[in-house]
C-alpha cells in the first residue's frame, strides 16, 4: 500500500500531489493492478486534509482509468505500467541514487537537491519546447 505525503512548500495543490504519487508508484512498480489505495478517511486523517481533496484525487485517477472505486469496499488500481517501463526506470533510479550520494557528499540537503532538479527539469522543458 502507498503512504501519501504532502509538501506544503511545493506550490502544487494537495490533490495533484496525491495523483502524482500514485502515478509514480505505478511507474516504479510499487503499485500494481488490483492493489487497494488507502481509504479516503485514512488519507484525510493522516495528512490532516479535507476528505473532498482525497476524493478529488481519486476521481481524477478514475477518470484516467488508473483506479476504480468499489462502493463500501475501497478504491483499487485498475491499470499499471508495463514491466519494460519498470526495468528502464531501475537504471535511471540507480543513476539518480548515485547522484544523490554525490550531492550529499558535496553538502547539499534535500531542498537544495530538489531545487537543482526543478531548475534542470524546467530548462529541459524549455529546450524541448523550442
Protein backbone atom coordinates (compact mmCIF):
# COMPACT_ATOMS: atom_id res chain seq x y z
CA UNK A 1 0.00 0.00 0.00
CA UNK A 2 1.12 3.53 -0.69
CA UNK A 3 1.86 6.07 2.05
CA UNK A 4 1.00 9.56 0.87
CA UNK A 5 2.85 12.67 1.94
CA UNK A 6 2.37 16.35 1.13
CA UNK A 7 4.87 19.13 0.57
CA UNK A 8 3.20 22.37 1.64
CA UNK A 9 6.02 24.42 0.10
CA UNK A 10 5.80 22.89 -3.37
CA UNK A 11 3.08 25.21 -4.65
CA UNK A 12 1.29 22.14 -6.06
CA UNK A 13 -2.30 21.54 -4.97
CA UNK A 14 -2.63 18.65 -2.50
CA UNK A 15 -4.92 16.61 -4.76
CA UNK A 16 -2.37 16.88 -7.60
CA UNK A 17 0.39 15.72 -5.27
CA UNK A 18 -1.68 12.63 -4.42
CA UNK A 19 -2.27 11.90 -8.11
CA UNK A 20 1.44 12.28 -8.89
CA UNK A 21 2.38 9.92 -6.08
CA UNK A 22 0.04 7.22 -7.40
CA UNK A 23 1.43 7.64 -10.93
CA UNK A 24 4.99 7.46 -9.63
CA UNK A 25 4.22 4.35 -7.58
CA UNK A 26 2.79 2.74 -10.72
CA UNK A 27 5.84 3.67 -12.77
CA UNK A 28 8.19 2.29 -10.13
CA UNK A 29 6.21 -0.92 -9.76
CA UNK A 30 5.27 -0.15 -6.15
CA UNK A 31 1.58 -0.35 -7.06
CA UNK A 32 0.11 -2.98 -9.33
CA UNK A 33 -3.27 -3.74 -10.81
CA UNK A 34 -5.64 -4.87 -8.07
CA UNK A 35 -3.84 -3.10 -5.23
CA UNK A 36 -6.08 -1.13 -2.91
CA UNK A 37 -5.42 2.55 -2.29
CA UNK A 38 -5.78 3.81 1.28
CA UNK A 39 -9.30 4.83 2.23
CA UNK A 40 -10.31 8.45 1.86
CA UNK A 41 -10.82 8.62 5.62
CA UNK A 42 -7.32 7.25 6.35
CA UNK A 43 -5.59 9.60 3.89
CA UNK A 44 -7.53 12.65 5.09
CA UNK A 45 -6.78 11.78 8.71
CA UNK A 46 -3.08 11.06 8.27
CA UNK A 47 -2.45 14.17 6.16
CA UNK A 48 -4.89 16.44 8.03
CA UNK A 49 -6.67 17.46 4.83
CA UNK A 50 -10.29 17.65 3.75
CA UNK A 51 -11.71 14.30 2.60
CA UNK A 52 -13.02 16.07 -0.51
CA UNK A 53 -9.41 16.71 -1.54
CA UNK A 54 -8.71 12.98 -1.47
CA UNK A 55 -11.98 12.26 -3.29
CA UNK A 56 -11.00 14.73 -6.00
CA UNK A 57 -7.66 12.95 -6.49
CA UNK A 58 -9.27 9.52 -6.56
CA UNK A 59 -11.94 10.66 -9.02
CA UNK A 60 -9.26 12.06 -11.29
CA UNK A 61 -7.43 8.71 -11.15
CA UNK A 62 -10.72 7.00 -12.04
CA UNK A 63 -11.22 9.38 -14.98
CA UNK A 64 -7.72 8.49 -16.22
CA UNK A 65 -8.58 4.81 -15.95
CA UNK A 66 -5.92 4.17 -13.31
CA UNK A 67 -8.30 3.37 -10.45
CA UNK A 68 -11.86 2.32 -9.75
CA UNK A 69 -13.99 2.78 -6.66
CA UNK A 70 -15.97 -0.14 -5.33
CA UNK A 71 -18.68 1.28 -3.04
CA UNK A 72 -18.30 0.03 0.51
CA UNK A 73 -15.02 -1.73 -0.33
CA UNK A 74 -12.48 0.89 -1.42
CA UNK A 75 -10.56 2.24 -4.40
CA UNK A 76 -8.40 -0.14 -6.41
CA UNK A 77 -5.71 0.23 -9.06
CA UNK A 78 -7.12 -0.86 -12.42
CA UNK A 79 -4.17 -0.20 -14.69
CA UNK A 80 -0.44 -0.49 -14.34
CA UNK A 81 2.57 0.31 -16.46
CA UNK A 82 4.42 -2.33 -18.44
CA UNK A 83 7.29 -4.30 -16.94
CA UNK A 84 9.58 -2.79 -19.61
CA UNK A 85 8.93 0.64 -18.14
CA UNK A 86 9.86 -0.59 -14.66
CA UNK A 87 13.14 -2.08 -15.96
CA UNK A 88 14.00 1.16 -17.76
CA UNK A 89 13.34 3.14 -14.60
CA UNK A 90 15.55 0.90 -12.50
CA UNK A 91 18.69 2.01 -14.34
CA UNK A 92 17.71 5.65 -14.05
CA UNK A 93 16.91 5.14 -10.37
CA UNK A 94 20.37 3.70 -9.75
CA UNK A 95 21.98 6.65 -11.54
CA UNK A 96 19.86 9.07 -9.54
CA UNK A 97 20.79 7.35 -6.27
CA UNK A 98 24.45 7.73 -7.16
CA UNK A 99 23.90 11.42 -7.95
CA UNK A 100 22.12 11.92 -4.62
CA UNK A 101 25.08 10.36 -2.85
CA UNK A 102 27.47 12.75 -4.60
CA UNK A 103 25.19 15.70 -3.83
CA UNK A 104 25.11 14.76 -0.13
CA UNK A 105 28.90 14.47 -0.08
CA UNK A 106 29.02 17.96 -1.58
CA UNK A 107 26.94 19.22 1.37
CA UNK A 108 23.56 19.60 -0.32
CA UNK A 109 20.41 18.87 1.66
CA UNK A 110 17.10 17.60 0.24
CA UNK A 111 15.77 21.09 -0.51
CA UNK A 112 18.97 22.01 -2.38
CA UNK A 113 18.75 18.83 -4.46
CA UNK A 114 15.07 19.42 -5.16
CA UNK A 115 15.80 22.98 -6.31
CA UNK A 116 18.56 21.76 -8.64
CA UNK A 117 16.26 19.11 -10.06
CA UNK A 118 13.42 21.59 -10.61
CA UNK A 119 15.77 24.04 -12.34
CA UNK A 120 17.18 21.31 -14.61
CA UNK A 121 13.70 19.98 -15.41
CA UNK A 122 12.44 23.45 -16.35
CA UNK A 123 15.50 24.07 -18.53
CA UNK A 124 14.98 20.75 -20.30
CA UNK A 125 11.29 21.51 -20.84
CA UNK A 126 12.13 24.92 -22.29
CA UNK A 127 14.71 23.39 -24.65
CA UNK A 128 12.17 20.79 -25.74
CA UNK A 129 9.59 23.49 -26.45
CA UNK A 130 11.95 25.38 -28.77
